N, C-alpha and C. Protein backbone atom coordinates (compact mmCIF):
# COMPACT_ATOMS: atom_id res chain seq x y z
N MET A 1 42.00 15.44 20.73
CA MET A 1 41.15 16.09 19.66
C MET A 1 40.84 14.79 18.64
N MET A 2 41.59 14.26 18.31
CA MET A 2 41.22 13.16 17.16
C MET A 2 40.51 12.06 17.98
N LEU A 3 40.67 11.92 19.31
CA LEU A 3 39.69 10.86 19.94
C LEU A 3 38.72 11.24 20.32
N LEU A 4 38.34 12.48 20.39
CA LEU A 4 37.19 13.22 20.48
C LEU A 4 36.26 13.07 19.34
N LEU A 5 36.93 13.15 18.42
CA LEU A 5 36.22 13.12 16.90
C LEU A 5 35.92 11.74 16.45
N LEU A 6 36.70 10.66 17.07
CA LEU A 6 36.34 9.29 16.59
C LEU A 6 35.29 8.97 17.57
N LEU A 7 35.21 9.35 18.64
CA LEU A 7 34.12 8.97 19.68
C LEU A 7 32.87 9.55 19.03
N LEU A 8 32.91 10.98 18.76
CA LEU A 8 31.59 11.43 18.04
C LEU A 8 31.21 10.65 16.85
N MET A 9 32.23 10.31 15.89
CA MET A 9 31.85 9.43 15.00
C MET A 9 31.24 8.21 15.19
N ALA A 10 31.74 7.61 16.21
CA ALA A 10 31.46 6.34 16.72
C ALA A 10 29.97 6.53 17.26
N VAL A 11 29.75 7.45 17.90
CA VAL A 11 28.29 7.81 18.54
C VAL A 11 27.18 7.87 17.25
N VAL A 12 27.47 8.90 16.26
CA VAL A 12 26.72 9.35 15.25
C VAL A 12 26.46 7.72 14.49
N VAL A 13 27.59 7.03 14.19
CA VAL A 13 27.32 5.74 13.46
C VAL A 13 26.31 4.81 14.25
N VAL A 14 26.38 4.64 15.66
CA VAL A 14 25.54 4.00 16.23
C VAL A 14 23.95 4.35 16.43
N VAL A 15 24.02 6.02 16.52
CA VAL A 15 22.53 6.44 16.58
C VAL A 15 21.99 6.05 14.98
N VAL A 16 22.66 6.23 13.97
CA VAL A 16 22.00 5.98 12.67
C VAL A 16 21.72 4.52 12.61
N VAL A 17 22.68 3.86 12.79
CA VAL A 17 22.39 2.06 12.77
C VAL A 17 20.94 1.95 13.71
N VAL A 18 21.00 2.47 14.80
CA VAL A 18 19.93 2.26 15.94
C VAL A 18 18.45 2.69 15.16
N VAL A 19 18.70 3.93 14.75
CA VAL A 19 17.40 4.39 14.00
C VAL A 19 16.93 3.75 12.64
N GLN A 20 17.99 3.33 11.91
CA GLN A 20 17.61 2.34 10.77
C GLN A 20 16.91 1.26 11.23
N ALA A 21 17.50 0.41 12.15
CA ALA A 21 17.01 -0.72 12.61
C ALA A 21 15.54 -0.66 13.19
N LYS A 22 15.35 0.45 13.91
CA LYS A 22 14.07 0.72 14.40
C LYS A 22 12.89 1.07 13.23
N LYS A 23 13.34 1.47 12.20
CA LYS A 23 12.43 2.00 10.98
C LYS A 23 12.36 0.56 10.34
N GLN A 24 13.37 -0.27 10.07
CA GLN A 24 12.97 -1.59 9.60
C GLN A 24 12.06 -2.19 10.25
N GLN A 25 12.35 -2.21 11.72
CA GLN A 25 11.14 -2.94 12.49
C GLN A 25 9.52 -2.56 12.27
N GLN A 26 9.58 -1.07 12.17
CA GLN A 26 8.35 -0.51 11.94
C GLN A 26 7.75 -0.85 10.83
N GLN A 27 8.67 -0.97 9.76
CA GLN A 27 7.99 -1.31 8.44
C GLN A 27 7.76 -2.59 8.33
N HIS A 28 8.61 -3.44 9.07
CA HIS A 28 8.01 -5.07 9.03
C HIS A 28 6.97 -5.22 9.65
N HIS A 29 6.65 -4.37 10.68
CA HIS A 29 5.38 -4.42 11.52
C HIS A 29 4.25 -3.99 10.87
N LYS A 30 4.46 -3.02 10.14
CA LYS A 30 3.54 -2.45 9.18
C LYS A 30 3.18 -3.46 8.11
N GLN A 31 4.24 -4.17 7.49
CA GLN A 31 3.85 -5.23 6.81
C GLN A 31 2.95 -6.25 7.13
N LEU A 32 3.32 -6.71 8.47
CA LEU A 32 2.49 -7.61 9.22
C LEU A 32 1.27 -7.24 9.40
N GLN A 33 0.97 -6.10 9.78
CA GLN A 33 -0.45 -5.70 10.05
C GLN A 33 -1.02 -5.75 8.93
N GLN A 34 -0.52 -5.41 7.72
CA GLN A 34 -1.41 -5.32 6.38
C GLN A 34 -1.68 -6.60 5.91
N GLN A 35 -0.65 -7.63 6.19
CA GLN A 35 -1.02 -8.92 5.79
C GLN A 35 -2.06 -9.62 6.78
N GLN A 36 -2.03 -9.20 7.83
CA GLN A 36 -3.14 -9.56 8.72
C GLN A 36 -4.57 -9.40 8.45
N GLN A 37 -4.50 -7.81 7.97
CA GLN A 37 -5.67 -7.17 7.60
C GLN A 37 -6.41 -7.94 6.41
N GLN A 38 -5.44 -8.08 5.32
CA GLN A 38 -5.60 -8.92 3.96
C GLN A 38 -6.26 -10.24 4.35
N GLN A 39 -5.50 -10.74 5.00
CA GLN A 39 -6.16 -12.16 5.57
C GLN A 39 -7.59 -12.00 6.15
N GLN A 40 -7.65 -11.25 7.13
CA GLN A 40 -8.98 -10.97 7.85
C GLN A 40 -10.07 -10.57 6.70
N MET A 41 -9.67 -9.83 5.60
CA MET A 41 -10.60 -9.34 4.59
C MET A 41 -11.13 -10.67 3.71
N VAL A 42 -10.01 -11.25 3.39
CA VAL A 42 -10.28 -12.71 2.70
C VAL A 42 -11.16 -13.57 3.40
N HIS A 43 -10.90 -13.90 4.99
CA HIS A 43 -11.71 -14.62 5.65
C HIS A 43 -13.05 -13.98 5.40
N HIS A 44 -13.37 -12.71 5.81
CA HIS A 44 -14.61 -12.11 5.76
C HIS A 44 -15.41 -12.43 4.30
N LEU A 45 -14.70 -12.46 3.26
CA LEU A 45 -15.35 -12.50 2.06
C LEU A 45 -15.61 -14.10 1.84
N GLN A 46 -14.76 -14.88 2.55
CA GLN A 46 -15.10 -16.55 2.47
C GLN A 46 -16.30 -16.51 3.19
N GLN A 47 -16.41 -15.88 4.26
CA GLN A 47 -17.74 -16.12 5.23
C GLN A 47 -18.86 -15.65 4.48
N GLN A 48 -18.86 -14.49 3.94
CA GLN A 48 -20.11 -14.08 3.15
C GLN A 48 -20.36 -14.98 2.00
N GLN A 49 -19.41 -15.46 1.30
CA GLN A 49 -19.82 -16.55 0.27
C GLN A 49 -20.41 -17.74 0.74
N GLN A 50 -19.88 -18.24 1.97
CA GLN A 50 -20.43 -19.41 2.33
C GLN A 50 -21.89 -19.07 2.94
N HIS A 51 -22.18 -18.01 3.28
CA HIS A 51 -23.38 -17.65 4.00
C HIS A 51 -24.39 -17.42 2.78
N HIS A 52 -23.97 -16.88 1.45
CA HIS A 52 -24.76 -16.78 0.66
C HIS A 52 -25.01 -18.15 0.16
N GLN A 53 -24.24 -19.13 0.01
CA GLN A 53 -24.42 -20.27 -0.66
C GLN A 53 -25.24 -21.05 0.26
N GLN A 54 -25.25 -21.12 1.61
CA GLN A 54 -26.31 -21.52 2.61
C GLN A 54 -27.45 -21.11 2.26
N GLN A 55 -27.77 -19.73 2.14
CA GLN A 55 -29.04 -19.19 2.07
C GLN A 55 -29.76 -19.61 0.59
N HIS A 56 -28.92 -19.83 -0.45
CA HIS A 56 -29.31 -20.42 -1.81
C HIS A 56 -29.76 -21.99 -1.52
N HIS A 57 -28.80 -22.40 -0.86
CA HIS A 57 -29.10 -23.93 -0.53
C HIS A 57 -30.54 -24.08 0.25
N GLN A 58 -30.69 -23.37 1.11
CA GLN A 58 -32.16 -23.43 1.95
C GLN A 58 -33.34 -22.90 0.95
N GLN A 59 -33.17 -22.04 0.05
CA GLN A 59 -34.10 -21.64 -0.92
C GLN A 59 -34.59 -22.76 -1.57
N GLN A 60 -33.55 -23.27 -2.09
CA GLN A 60 -33.76 -24.62 -2.87
C GLN A 60 -34.49 -25.86 -2.09
N GLN A 61 -34.07 -26.00 -0.89
CA GLN A 61 -34.88 -27.06 -0.08
C GLN A 61 -36.31 -26.64 0.16
N GLU A 62 -36.39 -25.20 0.37
CA GLU A 62 -38.02 -24.72 0.68
C GLU A 62 -38.80 -25.18 -0.81
N GLN A 63 -38.18 -24.79 -1.83
CA GLN A 63 -38.92 -24.82 -3.11
C GLN A 63 -39.19 -26.56 -3.42
N GLN A 64 -38.20 -27.26 -2.99
CA GLN A 64 -38.65 -28.77 -3.03
C GLN A 64 -39.61 -29.16 -2.03
N GLN A 65 -39.64 -28.71 -1.03
CA GLN A 65 -40.61 -29.03 0.05
C GLN A 65 -42.15 -28.57 -0.54
N GLN A 66 -42.21 -27.29 -0.93
CA GLN A 66 -43.40 -26.92 -1.48
C GLN A 66 -43.72 -27.70 -2.65
N GLN A 67 -42.81 -28.11 -3.45
CA GLN A 67 -43.43 -28.85 -4.63
C GLN A 67 -44.03 -30.35 -4.13
N GLN A 68 -43.12 -30.91 -3.14
CA GLN A 68 -43.64 -32.12 -2.58
C GLN A 68 -45.11 -31.93 -1.92
N GLN A 69 -45.12 -30.94 -1.31
CA GLN A 69 -46.43 -30.67 -0.56
C GLN A 69 -47.81 -30.70 -1.64
N LYS A 70 -47.24 -29.98 -2.74
CA LYS A 70 -48.34 -29.72 -3.92
C LYS A 70 -48.59 -31.16 -4.45
N LYS A 71 -47.56 -31.96 -4.62
CA LYS A 71 -47.85 -33.25 -5.19
C LYS A 71 -48.70 -34.11 -4.19
N LYS A 72 -48.29 -33.97 -2.78
CA LYS A 72 -49.23 -34.71 -1.96
C LYS A 72 -50.74 -34.35 -1.99
N LYS A 73 -50.68 -33.05 -1.94
CA LYS A 73 -52.14 -32.67 -1.95
C LYS A 73 -52.82 -33.05 -3.41
N LYS A 74 -52.49 -33.05 -4.52
CA LYS A 74 -52.92 -33.52 -5.55
C LYS A 74 -53.37 -34.96 -5.34
N LYS A 75 -52.19 -35.80 -4.90
CA LYS A 75 -52.65 -37.36 -4.68
C LYS A 75 -53.77 -37.60 -3.79
N LYS A 76 -53.88 -36.62 -2.71
CA LYS A 76 -55.00 -36.79 -1.71
C LYS A 76 -56.25 -36.52 -2.48
N CYS A 77 -56.12 -35.44 -3.49
CA CYS A 77 -57.47 -35.04 -4.05
C CYS A 77 -57.84 -36.15 -5.00
N MET A 78 -56.90 -36.87 -5.51
CA MET A 78 -57.31 -37.79 -6.49
C MET A 78 -57.90 -39.27 -5.84
N SER A 79 -57.36 -39.39 -4.60
CA SER A 79 -57.73 -40.35 -3.90
C SER A 79 -59.20 -40.10 -3.36
N VAL A 80 -59.59 -38.99 -2.91
CA VAL A 80 -60.76 -38.64 -2.50
C VAL A 80 -61.75 -38.68 -3.66
N CYS A 81 -61.27 -38.23 -4.95
CA CYS A 81 -62.34 -38.14 -6.11
C CYS A 81 -62.58 -39.57 -6.45
N CYS A 82 -61.68 -40.48 -6.46
CA CYS A 82 -61.94 -41.96 -6.70
C CYS A 82 -62.82 -42.76 -5.76
């Protein structure tokens, strides 16, 4: 009788330990997934910022080119007039 009780207790303890271990693994897995999602979000935000900076840089270059073309036109006009 005592042996049966001890066996039963041992089985219960093993089951509880296994269940807890699985829960911890799942929690750890969830944490890993959350970290990965956060990293992806941060990476995505960085890409958006870089893209925005590139667009802004392109706009600046285009404006500079337009200004240079205007200057060239003025010079041509001056040389023709003279």
